[in-house]
């Protein structure tokens, strides 16, 4: 099996950020959440709160969205073309996506692409409450191992060195820069 990060790996950009911008355009009243998001964003950058705490506050804007399921579908209608061609050319039926983005946001695009296995951050789509740890960095490994065996990972693909712990499970890993794949020797990364 091949394992992939999603944002900036098989998708051009950050799906959560693009979804937020899409919703702001449709629901200008969501701007009322921006001061709180900016405040907690600053607190995160300064190291005063964790990424999980920041994400838990950031997603509160979902409370202002009336039909979130329909909005997710509409979002992907306009953004499905952001899936990189290299991924479509090598896609397999046993692919696994492991992402920090909200599960409810990625379920629709995975369904459209025929991707059966998705591990992502669990966020209540109605309230924005973070229901699990943010599926980021080293947190991806226990989440993955809960569902699959490490020895089954043939190749791993990510745009970020923060995914080194998951990359170490794979027989071969690749760093992704848009449509360019670079062989990633994870043993050369500090903190083996």
N, C-alpha and C. Protein backbone atom coordinates (compact mmCIF):
# COMPACT_ATOMS: atom_id res chain seq x y z
N UNK A 1 0.84 -1.19 0.00
CA UNK A 1 0.00 0.00 0.00
C UNK A 1 0.88 1.24 0.00
N UNK A 2 0.35 2.30 -0.59
CA UNK A 2 1.01 3.60 -0.57
C UNK A 2 0.23 4.53 0.35
N UNK A 3 0.96 5.36 1.09
CA UNK A 3 0.36 6.27 2.06
C UNK A 3 0.73 7.70 1.65
N UNK A 4 -0.26 8.59 1.73
CA UNK A 4 -0.09 9.97 1.28
C UNK A 4 -0.60 10.95 2.32
N UNK A 5 0.13 12.03 2.49
CA UNK A 5 -0.42 13.22 3.11
C UNK A 5 -1.37 13.80 2.06
N UNK A 6 -2.21 14.74 2.42
CA UNK A 6 -3.16 15.29 1.44
C UNK A 6 -2.76 16.70 0.97
N UNK A 7 -2.80 17.66 1.89
CA UNK A 7 -2.57 19.06 1.52
C UNK A 7 -1.14 19.29 1.04
N UNK A 8 -1.02 19.93 -0.10
CA UNK A 8 0.27 20.24 -0.74
C UNK A 8 1.04 18.98 -1.12
N UNK A 9 0.38 17.83 -1.03
CA UNK A 9 1.00 16.57 -1.44
C UNK A 9 0.26 16.03 -2.65
N UNK A 10 -0.99 15.64 -2.48
CA UNK A 10 -1.77 15.25 -3.67
C UNK A 10 -2.74 16.35 -4.08
N UNK A 11 -2.91 17.36 -3.22
CA UNK A 11 -3.79 18.49 -3.50
C UNK A 11 -2.97 19.78 -3.51
N UNK A 12 -3.25 20.63 -4.47
CA UNK A 12 -2.50 21.88 -4.64
C UNK A 12 -2.98 22.93 -3.63
N UNK A 13 -2.35 22.95 -2.48
CA UNK A 13 -2.69 23.93 -1.45
C UNK A 13 -3.19 23.28 -0.18
N UNK A 14 -3.70 24.11 0.71
CA UNK A 14 -4.23 23.69 2.00
C UNK A 14 -5.75 23.68 1.89
N UNK A 15 -6.34 22.50 1.92
CA UNK A 15 -7.79 22.37 1.71
C UNK A 15 -8.59 23.08 2.80
N UNK A 16 -8.13 23.05 4.04
CA UNK A 16 -8.86 23.72 5.12
C UNK A 16 -8.88 25.23 4.90
N UNK A 17 -7.72 25.79 4.56
CA UNK A 17 -7.63 27.23 4.31
C UNK A 17 -8.52 27.61 3.12
N UNK A 18 -8.46 26.82 2.05
CA UNK A 18 -9.27 27.12 0.86
C UNK A 18 -10.76 27.00 1.17
N UNK A 19 -11.13 26.02 2.00
CA UNK A 19 -12.53 25.85 2.37
C UNK A 19 -13.00 27.05 3.19
N UNK A 20 -12.16 27.52 4.11
CA UNK A 20 -12.50 28.69 4.91
C UNK A 20 -12.71 29.91 4.01
N UNK A 21 -11.80 30.14 3.07
CA UNK A 21 -11.92 31.28 2.14
C UNK A 21 -13.19 31.15 1.30
N UNK A 22 -13.47 29.93 0.83
CA UNK A 22 -14.70 29.67 0.07
C UNK A 22 -15.93 30.04 0.91
N UNK A 23 -15.96 29.61 2.16
CA UNK A 23 -17.12 29.88 3.03
C UNK A 23 -17.24 31.36 3.37
N UNK A 24 -16.12 32.04 3.60
CA UNK A 24 -16.15 33.49 3.88
C UNK A 24 -16.78 34.22 2.70
N UNK A 25 -16.44 33.79 1.48
CA UNK A 25 -17.02 34.41 0.29
C UNK A 25 -18.52 34.21 0.20
N UNK A 26 -18.98 33.07 0.65
CA UNK A 26 -20.40 32.76 0.57
C UNK A 26 -21.18 33.29 1.78
N UNK A 27 -20.53 33.29 2.93
CA UNK A 27 -21.17 33.72 4.18
C UNK A 27 -20.31 34.82 4.81
N UNK A 28 -20.42 36.07 4.36
CA UNK A 28 -19.59 37.15 4.93
C UNK A 28 -19.71 37.28 6.45
N UNK A 29 -20.82 36.82 7.02
CA UNK A 29 -20.98 36.91 8.47
C UNK A 29 -19.93 36.08 9.23
N UNK A 30 -19.26 35.16 8.52
CA UNK A 30 -18.23 34.36 9.18
C UNK A 30 -17.01 35.19 9.56
N UNK A 31 -16.90 36.41 9.00
CA UNK A 31 -15.81 37.30 9.39
C UNK A 31 -15.83 37.58 10.89
N UNK A 32 -16.99 37.44 11.52
CA UNK A 32 -17.06 37.72 12.95
C UNK A 32 -16.17 36.78 13.77
N UNK A 33 -15.81 35.63 13.19
CA UNK A 33 -14.94 34.69 13.89
C UNK A 33 -13.46 35.04 13.73
N UNK A 34 -13.16 35.90 12.76
CA UNK A 34 -11.76 36.18 12.43
C UNK A 34 -10.95 36.77 13.58
N UNK A 35 -11.48 37.75 14.34
CA UNK A 35 -10.67 38.29 15.45
C UNK A 35 -10.25 37.20 16.45
N UNK A 36 -11.17 36.29 16.77
CA UNK A 36 -10.84 35.19 17.69
C UNK A 36 -9.78 34.28 17.06
N UNK A 37 -9.95 33.97 15.77
CA UNK A 37 -8.97 33.12 15.09
C UNK A 37 -7.59 33.77 15.07
N UNK A 38 -7.57 35.06 14.78
CA UNK A 38 -6.29 35.79 14.74
C UNK A 38 -5.64 35.79 16.12
N UNK A 39 -6.43 36.03 17.16
CA UNK A 39 -5.90 36.06 18.51
C UNK A 39 -5.29 34.70 18.89
N UNK A 40 -6.04 33.63 18.64
CA UNK A 40 -5.53 32.31 19.00
C UNK A 40 -4.40 31.89 18.06
N UNK A 41 -4.42 32.36 16.82
CA UNK A 41 -3.30 32.11 15.90
C UNK A 41 -2.02 32.73 16.43
N UNK A 42 -2.12 33.95 16.93
CA UNK A 42 -0.96 34.63 17.52
C UNK A 42 -0.48 33.88 18.76
N UNK A 43 -1.42 33.45 19.59
CA UNK A 43 -1.06 32.69 20.80
C UNK A 43 -0.31 31.40 20.43
N UNK A 44 -0.75 30.76 19.34
CA UNK A 44 -0.08 29.54 18.88
C UNK A 44 1.34 29.85 18.39
N UNK A 45 1.46 30.88 17.55
CA UNK A 45 2.76 31.27 17.00
C UNK A 45 3.75 31.62 18.12
N UNK A 46 3.24 32.25 19.17
CA UNK A 46 4.09 32.64 20.30
C UNK A 46 4.38 31.48 21.26
N UNK A 47 3.76 30.32 21.00
CA UNK A 47 4.01 29.15 21.83
C UNK A 47 3.20 29.11 23.11
N UNK A 48 2.18 29.95 23.21
CA UNK A 48 1.36 30.01 24.43
C UNK A 48 0.29 28.92 24.47
N UNK A 49 -0.12 28.44 23.30
CA UNK A 49 -1.11 27.36 23.23
C UNK A 49 -0.63 26.32 22.21
N UNK A 50 -1.17 25.13 22.33
CA UNK A 50 -0.79 24.04 21.42
C UNK A 50 -1.53 24.16 20.08
N UNK A 51 -1.05 23.42 19.12
CA UNK A 51 -1.72 23.38 17.82
C UNK A 51 -3.15 22.86 17.97
N UNK A 52 -3.35 21.86 18.84
CA UNK A 52 -4.70 21.34 19.07
C UNK A 52 -5.62 22.42 19.62
N UNK A 53 -5.12 23.21 20.58
CA UNK A 53 -5.94 24.29 21.15
C UNK A 53 -6.28 25.32 20.08
N UNK A 54 -5.30 25.67 19.25
CA UNK A 54 -5.55 26.63 18.17
C UNK A 54 -6.59 26.09 17.20
N UNK A 55 -6.41 24.85 16.76
CA UNK A 55 -7.36 24.28 15.79
C UNK A 55 -8.76 24.22 16.40
N UNK A 56 -8.85 23.87 17.67
CA UNK A 56 -10.14 23.82 18.34
C UNK A 56 -10.87 25.16 18.32
N UNK A 57 -10.13 26.24 18.39
CA UNK A 57 -10.73 27.59 18.32
C UNK A 57 -10.98 28.00 16.87
N UNK A 58 -10.06 27.67 15.99
CA UNK A 58 -10.19 28.06 14.58
C UNK A 58 -11.49 27.53 13.97
N UNK A 59 -11.81 26.27 14.25
CA UNK A 59 -12.97 25.64 13.61
C UNK A 59 -14.32 26.13 14.15
N UNK A 60 -14.33 27.01 15.11
CA UNK A 60 -15.61 27.53 15.63
C UNK A 60 -16.43 28.21 14.54
N UNK A 61 -15.80 28.67 13.47
CA UNK A 61 -16.55 29.32 12.39
C UNK A 61 -17.59 28.39 11.77
N UNK A 62 -17.42 27.08 11.92
CA UNK A 62 -18.37 26.12 11.35
C UNK A 62 -19.77 26.29 11.94
N UNK A 63 -19.86 26.88 13.12
CA UNK A 63 -21.17 27.12 13.75
C UNK A 63 -22.02 28.08 12.93
N UNK A 64 -21.38 28.88 12.09
CA UNK A 64 -22.11 29.85 11.27
C UNK A 64 -22.48 29.35 9.89
N UNK A 65 -22.25 28.06 9.61
CA UNK A 65 -22.55 27.49 8.29
C UNK A 65 -23.81 26.63 8.40
N UNK A 66 -24.79 26.95 7.56
CA UNK A 66 -26.09 26.29 7.67
C UNK A 66 -26.09 24.82 7.23
N UNK A 67 -25.68 24.53 6.01
CA UNK A 67 -25.73 23.16 5.51
C UNK A 67 -24.32 22.73 5.14
N UNK A 68 -23.57 22.31 6.13
CA UNK A 68 -22.15 22.02 5.93
C UNK A 68 -21.92 20.90 4.92
N UNK A 69 -22.77 19.88 4.92
CA UNK A 69 -22.60 18.77 3.97
C UNK A 69 -22.69 19.28 2.54
N UNK A 70 -23.67 20.13 2.28
CA UNK A 70 -23.84 20.69 0.93
C UNK A 70 -22.68 21.62 0.57
N UNK A 71 -22.21 22.38 1.53
CA UNK A 71 -21.09 23.29 1.26
C UNK A 71 -19.80 22.52 0.96
N UNK A 72 -19.60 21.40 1.62
CA UNK A 72 -18.42 20.57 1.33
C UNK A 72 -18.50 20.07 -0.12
N UNK A 73 -19.67 19.59 -0.54
CA UNK A 73 -19.84 19.13 -1.93
C UNK A 73 -19.59 20.27 -2.91
N UNK A 74 -20.17 21.42 -2.64
CA UNK A 74 -19.99 22.58 -3.53
C UNK A 74 -18.52 23.00 -3.59
N UNK A 75 -17.85 22.97 -2.45
CA UNK A 75 -16.43 23.31 -2.42
C UNK A 75 -15.64 22.40 -3.34
N UNK A 76 -15.86 21.09 -3.21
CA UNK A 76 -15.09 20.15 -4.04
C UNK A 76 -15.50 20.22 -5.51
N UNK A 77 -16.72 20.64 -5.80
CA UNK A 77 -17.10 20.85 -7.21
C UNK A 77 -16.14 21.84 -7.86
N UNK A 78 -15.73 22.84 -7.12
CA UNK A 78 -14.84 23.86 -7.65
C UNK A 78 -13.36 23.63 -7.41
N UNK A 79 -13.02 22.64 -6.58
CA UNK A 79 -11.61 22.44 -6.22
C UNK A 79 -11.07 21.04 -6.51
N UNK A 80 -11.90 20.16 -7.00
CA UNK A 80 -11.44 18.80 -7.30
C UNK A 80 -10.30 18.82 -8.32
N UNK A 81 -10.30 19.81 -9.18
CA UNK A 81 -9.24 19.93 -10.20
C UNK A 81 -7.87 20.21 -9.57
N UNK A 82 -7.84 20.49 -8.27
CA UNK A 82 -6.58 20.73 -7.58
C UNK A 82 -5.81 19.46 -7.22
N UNK A 83 -6.39 18.29 -7.52
CA UNK A 83 -5.67 17.04 -7.29
C UNK A 83 -4.58 16.92 -8.36
N UNK A 84 -3.35 16.69 -7.92
CA UNK A 84 -2.22 16.63 -8.85
C UNK A 84 -2.34 15.44 -9.81
N UNK A 85 -1.92 15.68 -11.04
CA UNK A 85 -1.99 14.64 -12.08
C UNK A 85 -1.10 13.44 -11.76
N UNK A 86 0.07 13.69 -11.16
CA UNK A 86 0.96 12.57 -10.86
C UNK A 86 0.27 11.57 -9.95
N UNK A 87 -0.56 12.08 -9.02
CA UNK A 87 -1.26 11.16 -8.11
C UNK A 87 -2.28 10.32 -8.88
N UNK A 88 -3.08 10.97 -9.70
CA UNK A 88 -4.10 10.24 -10.46
C UNK A 88 -3.47 9.15 -11.33
N UNK A 89 -2.28 9.43 -11.86
CA UNK A 89 -1.60 8.48 -12.75
C UNK A 89 -1.12 7.23 -12.00
N UNK A 90 -0.86 7.33 -10.71
CA UNK A 90 -0.33 6.17 -9.98
C UNK A 90 -1.28 5.66 -8.90
N UNK A 91 -2.46 6.23 -8.80
CA UNK A 91 -3.42 5.85 -7.75
C UNK A 91 -3.70 4.36 -7.76
N UNK A 92 -3.78 3.79 -6.55
CA UNK A 92 -4.12 2.37 -6.39
C UNK A 92 -5.31 2.25 -5.45
N UNK A 93 -5.96 1.11 -5.50
CA UNK A 93 -7.17 0.94 -4.68
C UNK A 93 -6.89 0.79 -3.19
N UNK A 94 -5.65 0.50 -2.81
CA UNK A 94 -5.34 0.37 -1.39
C UNK A 94 -4.63 1.60 -0.82
N UNK A 95 -4.67 2.73 -1.53
CA UNK A 95 -4.06 3.97 -1.04
C UNK A 95 -4.69 4.40 0.28
N UNK A 96 -3.86 5.01 1.12
CA UNK A 96 -4.31 5.55 2.40
C UNK A 96 -3.92 7.03 2.45
N UNK A 97 -4.88 7.88 2.81
CA UNK A 97 -4.61 9.29 3.04
C UNK A 97 -4.54 9.50 4.56
N UNK A 98 -3.47 10.15 5.02
CA UNK A 98 -3.33 10.49 6.44
C UNK A 98 -3.09 12.00 6.49
N UNK A 99 -4.05 12.74 7.07
CA UNK A 99 -4.01 14.20 6.97
C UNK A 99 -4.44 14.88 8.26
N UNK A 100 -3.89 16.08 8.46
CA UNK A 100 -4.32 16.92 9.59
C UNK A 100 -5.63 17.64 9.29
N UNK A 101 -6.03 17.68 8.03
CA UNK A 101 -7.29 18.35 7.68
C UNK A 101 -8.47 17.60 8.28
N UNK A 102 -9.61 18.27 8.42
CA UNK A 102 -10.78 17.61 9.02
C UNK A 102 -11.29 16.45 8.17
N UNK A 103 -11.60 15.38 8.83
CA UNK A 103 -12.14 14.19 8.17
C UNK A 103 -13.39 14.53 7.35
N UNK A 104 -14.30 15.33 7.92
CA UNK A 104 -15.55 15.63 7.20
C UNK A 104 -15.28 16.36 5.89
N UNK A 105 -14.19 17.13 5.81
CA UNK A 105 -13.86 17.86 4.59
C UNK A 105 -13.26 16.94 3.53
N UNK A 106 -12.46 15.97 3.95
CA UNK A 106 -11.78 15.10 2.99
C UNK A 106 -12.59 13.88 2.58
N UNK A 107 -13.60 13.51 3.35
CA UNK A 107 -14.40 12.33 3.00
C UNK A 107 -14.99 12.45 1.60
N UNK A 108 -15.51 13.61 1.26
CA UNK A 108 -16.16 13.81 -0.04
C UNK A 108 -15.17 13.65 -1.20
N UNK A 109 -14.00 14.27 -1.11
CA UNK A 109 -13.04 14.16 -2.21
C UNK A 109 -12.49 12.74 -2.29
N UNK A 110 -12.30 12.09 -1.17
CA UNK A 110 -11.85 10.70 -1.19
C UNK A 110 -12.90 9.81 -1.86
N UNK A 111 -14.16 10.05 -1.55
CA UNK A 111 -15.24 9.28 -2.19
C UNK A 111 -15.21 9.49 -3.70
N UNK A 112 -15.06 10.73 -4.13
CA UNK A 112 -15.03 11.03 -5.57
C UNK A 112 -13.85 10.38 -6.27
N UNK A 113 -12.72 10.32 -5.59
CA UNK A 113 -11.52 9.74 -6.18
C UNK A 113 -11.45 8.23 -6.04
N UNK A 114 -12.34 7.66 -5.25
CA UNK A 114 -12.32 6.21 -5.03
C UNK A 114 -11.29 5.79 -3.99
N UNK A 115 -10.90 6.72 -3.12
CA UNK A 115 -9.95 6.41 -2.04
C UNK A 115 -10.76 5.88 -0.86
N UNK A 116 -10.50 4.64 -0.48
CA UNK A 116 -11.29 3.99 0.57
C UNK A 116 -10.78 4.25 1.98
N UNK A 117 -9.50 4.56 2.12
CA UNK A 117 -8.91 4.66 3.45
C UNK A 117 -8.47 6.09 3.75
N UNK A 118 -9.09 6.67 4.76
CA UNK A 118 -8.79 8.04 5.17
C UNK A 118 -8.62 8.09 6.68
N UNK A 119 -7.51 8.67 7.10
CA UNK A 119 -7.25 8.93 8.52
C UNK A 119 -7.00 10.43 8.60
N UNK A 120 -7.83 11.14 9.36
CA UNK A 120 -7.73 12.61 9.41
C UNK A 120 -8.20 13.10 10.77
N UNK A 121 -8.06 14.39 10.99
CA UNK A 121 -8.49 14.99 12.25
C UNK A 121 -10.01 14.93 12.36
N UNK A 122 -10.48 14.50 13.50
CA UNK A 122 -11.92 14.42 13.71
C UNK A 122 -12.41 15.74 14.30
N UNK A 123 -13.29 16.39 13.54
CA UNK A 123 -13.83 17.69 13.92
C UNK A 123 -15.34 17.61 13.77
N UNK A 124 -16.08 18.06 14.77
CA UNK A 124 -17.54 18.12 14.66
C UNK A 124 -17.89 19.18 13.63
N UNK A 125 -18.49 18.76 12.53
CA UNK A 125 -18.76 19.69 11.42
C UNK A 125 -19.83 20.72 11.73
N UNK A 126 -20.59 20.52 12.77
CA UNK A 126 -21.63 21.49 13.15
C UNK A 126 -21.12 22.52 14.16
N UNK A 127 -20.27 22.07 15.09
CA UNK A 127 -19.82 22.97 16.17
C UNK A 127 -18.36 23.41 16.02
N UNK A 128 -17.59 22.68 15.22
CA UNK A 128 -16.17 22.99 15.08
C UNK A 128 -15.32 22.43 16.21
N UNK A 129 -15.91 21.65 17.09
CA UNK A 129 -15.17 21.06 18.21
C UNK A 129 -14.21 19.99 17.70
N UNK A 130 -12.95 20.08 18.13
CA UNK A 130 -11.95 19.07 17.79
C UNK A 130 -12.26 17.83 18.62
N UNK A 131 -12.53 16.70 17.95
CA UNK A 131 -12.94 15.48 18.64
C UNK A 131 -11.79 14.50 18.86
N UNK A 132 -10.65 14.79 18.27
CA UNK A 132 -9.46 13.95 18.43
C UNK A 132 -8.25 14.87 18.42
N UNK A 133 -7.10 14.32 18.73
CA UNK A 133 -5.88 15.10 18.55
C UNK A 133 -5.77 15.46 17.08
N UNK A 134 -5.16 16.59 16.81
CA UNK A 134 -4.90 16.98 15.43
C UNK A 134 -3.99 15.91 14.81
N UNK A 135 -4.37 15.36 13.69
CA UNK A 135 -3.64 14.28 13.03
C UNK A 135 -2.45 14.87 12.27
N UNK A 136 -1.42 15.24 13.02
CA UNK A 136 -0.27 15.98 12.47
C UNK A 136 1.02 15.40 13.03
N UNK A 137 2.06 15.38 12.20
CA UNK A 137 3.38 14.97 12.66
C UNK A 137 3.39 13.58 13.26
N UNK A 138 3.98 13.45 14.45
CA UNK A 138 4.11 12.13 15.07
C UNK A 138 2.77 11.51 15.43
N UNK A 139 1.71 12.31 15.56
CA UNK A 139 0.37 11.79 15.87
C UNK A 139 -0.15 10.90 14.74
N UNK A 140 0.36 11.09 13.54
CA UNK A 140 -0.09 10.28 12.40
C UNK A 140 0.27 8.80 12.57
N UNK A 141 1.39 8.52 13.24
CA UNK A 141 1.86 7.14 13.36
C UNK A 141 0.90 6.27 14.18
N UNK A 142 0.56 6.62 15.43
CA UNK A 142 -0.38 5.76 16.17
C UNK A 142 -1.75 5.68 15.50
N UNK A 143 -2.17 6.76 14.87
CA UNK A 143 -3.46 6.73 14.17
C UNK A 143 -3.40 5.73 13.01
N UNK A 144 -2.28 5.73 12.28
CA UNK A 144 -2.12 4.80 11.17
C UNK A 144 -2.03 3.36 11.67
N UNK A 145 -1.22 3.14 12.71
CA UNK A 145 -0.99 1.78 13.22
C UNK A 145 -2.23 1.18 13.89
N UNK A 146 -3.18 2.00 14.22
CA UNK A 146 -4.45 1.52 14.77
C UNK A 146 -5.25 0.77 13.69
N UNK A 147 -5.01 1.14 12.43
CA UNK A 147 -5.77 0.58 11.31
C UNK A 147 -4.97 -0.38 10.43
N UNK A 148 -3.64 -0.16 10.35
CA UNK A 148 -2.81 -0.90 9.39
C UNK A 148 -1.50 -1.33 10.04
N UNK A 149 -0.76 -2.19 9.32
CA UNK A 149 0.54 -2.65 9.79
C UNK A 149 1.65 -1.83 9.14
N UNK A 150 2.69 -1.52 9.90
CA UNK A 150 3.81 -0.73 9.39
C UNK A 150 4.46 -1.41 8.19
N UNK A 151 4.59 -2.73 8.24
CA UNK A 151 5.28 -3.43 7.15
C UNK A 151 4.52 -3.41 5.82
N UNK A 152 3.27 -2.98 5.84
CA UNK A 152 2.49 -2.92 4.60
C UNK A 152 2.75 -1.65 3.80
N UNK A 153 3.47 -0.68 4.37
CA UNK A 153 3.68 0.61 3.69
C UNK A 153 4.83 0.49 2.70
N UNK A 154 4.48 0.49 1.42
CA UNK A 154 5.51 0.45 0.38
C UNK A 154 6.13 1.83 0.22
N UNK A 155 5.29 2.82 -0.11
CA UNK A 155 5.79 4.18 -0.34
C UNK A 155 4.97 5.19 0.45
N UNK A 156 5.65 6.24 0.89
CA UNK A 156 4.99 7.34 1.58
C UNK A 156 5.33 8.64 0.87
N UNK A 157 4.34 9.53 0.78
CA UNK A 157 4.50 10.80 0.07
C UNK A 157 4.01 11.94 0.95
N UNK A 158 4.83 12.99 1.07
CA UNK A 158 4.44 14.17 1.84
C UNK A 158 5.22 15.39 1.35
N UNK A 159 4.66 16.56 1.62
CA UNK A 159 5.35 17.81 1.30
C UNK A 159 6.17 18.31 2.48
N UNK A 160 6.07 17.65 3.63
CA UNK A 160 6.60 18.24 4.87
C UNK A 160 7.49 17.29 5.67
N UNK A 161 8.58 17.83 6.18
CA UNK A 161 9.46 17.05 7.06
C UNK A 161 8.79 16.72 8.39
N UNK A 162 7.70 17.41 8.71
CA UNK A 162 6.96 17.08 9.95
C UNK A 162 6.39 15.66 9.88
N UNK A 163 6.32 15.10 8.67
CA UNK A 163 5.81 13.74 8.50
C UNK A 163 6.91 12.68 8.56
N UNK A 164 8.10 13.06 8.99
CA UNK A 164 9.21 12.11 9.08
C UNK A 164 8.85 10.85 9.88
N UNK A 165 8.15 10.95 11.03
CA UNK A 165 7.82 9.72 11.76
C UNK A 165 7.03 8.72 10.92
N UNK A 166 6.09 9.18 10.12
CA UNK A 166 5.32 8.27 9.27
C UNK A 166 6.17 7.81 8.09
N UNK A 167 7.00 8.68 7.56
CA UNK A 167 7.88 8.32 6.44
C UNK A 167 8.81 7.18 6.82
N UNK A 168 9.21 7.13 8.08
CA UNK A 168 10.14 6.09 8.54
C UNK A 168 9.52 4.69 8.50
N UNK A 169 8.20 4.60 8.44
CA UNK A 169 7.55 3.30 8.34
C UNK A 169 7.63 2.71 6.94
N UNK A 170 7.83 3.55 5.95
CA UNK A 170 7.76 3.12 4.55
C UNK A 170 9.07 2.53 4.06
N UNK A 171 8.95 1.64 3.06
CA UNK A 171 10.13 1.10 2.40
C UNK A 171 10.84 2.20 1.60
N UNK A 172 10.04 3.13 1.06
CA UNK A 172 10.56 4.25 0.27
C UNK A 172 9.68 5.45 0.54
N UNK A 173 10.30 6.63 0.66
CA UNK A 173 9.52 7.86 0.90
C UNK A 173 9.91 8.92 -0.11
N UNK A 174 8.94 9.82 -0.36
CA UNK A 174 9.15 10.89 -1.33
C UNK A 174 8.66 12.21 -0.75
N UNK A 175 9.47 13.25 -0.94
CA UNK A 175 9.03 14.61 -0.66
C UNK A 175 8.41 15.14 -1.94
N UNK A 176 7.29 15.83 -1.80
CA UNK A 176 6.53 16.31 -2.96
C UNK A 176 6.59 17.82 -3.02
N UNK A 177 6.92 18.33 -4.18
CA UNK A 177 6.88 19.77 -4.46
C UNK A 177 6.05 19.93 -5.72
N UNK A 178 4.75 20.15 -5.52
CA UNK A 178 3.77 20.23 -6.61
C UNK A 178 3.80 18.94 -7.42
N UNK A 179 4.26 19.00 -8.67
CA UNK A 179 4.27 17.81 -9.54
C UNK A 179 5.63 17.10 -9.52
N UNK A 180 6.53 17.51 -8.62
CA UNK A 180 7.86 16.92 -8.56
C UNK A 180 8.00 16.03 -7.32
N UNK A 181 8.45 14.81 -7.53
CA UNK A 181 8.68 13.86 -6.43
C UNK A 181 10.18 13.70 -6.24
N UNK A 182 10.63 13.85 -5.00
CA UNK A 182 12.05 13.75 -4.68
C UNK A 182 12.23 12.61 -3.69
N UNK A 183 13.10 11.65 -4.03
CA UNK A 183 13.36 10.55 -3.11
C UNK A 183 13.84 11.11 -1.78
N UNK A 184 13.25 10.62 -0.69
CA UNK A 184 13.47 11.16 0.64
C UNK A 184 14.16 10.10 1.49
N UNK A 185 15.42 10.32 1.81
CA UNK A 185 16.17 9.39 2.65
C UNK A 185 15.94 9.79 4.11
N UNK A 186 14.93 9.22 4.72
CA UNK A 186 14.55 9.62 6.08
C UNK A 186 15.61 9.27 7.12
N UNK A 187 16.49 8.34 6.81
CA UNK A 187 17.55 7.99 7.76
C UNK A 187 18.53 9.14 7.94
N UNK A 188 18.56 10.07 6.97
CA UNK A 188 19.45 11.22 7.06
C UNK A 188 18.89 12.33 7.95
N UNK A 189 17.62 12.20 8.33
CA UNK A 189 16.98 13.22 9.16
C UNK A 189 17.40 12.98 10.62
N UNK A 190 17.69 14.06 11.33
CA UNK A 190 18.06 13.95 12.75
C UNK A 190 16.92 13.34 13.55
N UNK A 191 17.25 12.72 14.64
CA UNK A 191 16.24 12.17 15.54
C UNK A 191 15.74 10.82 15.10
N UNK A 192 16.64 10.05 14.43
CA UNK A 192 16.25 8.72 13.96
C UNK A 192 15.60 7.99 15.08
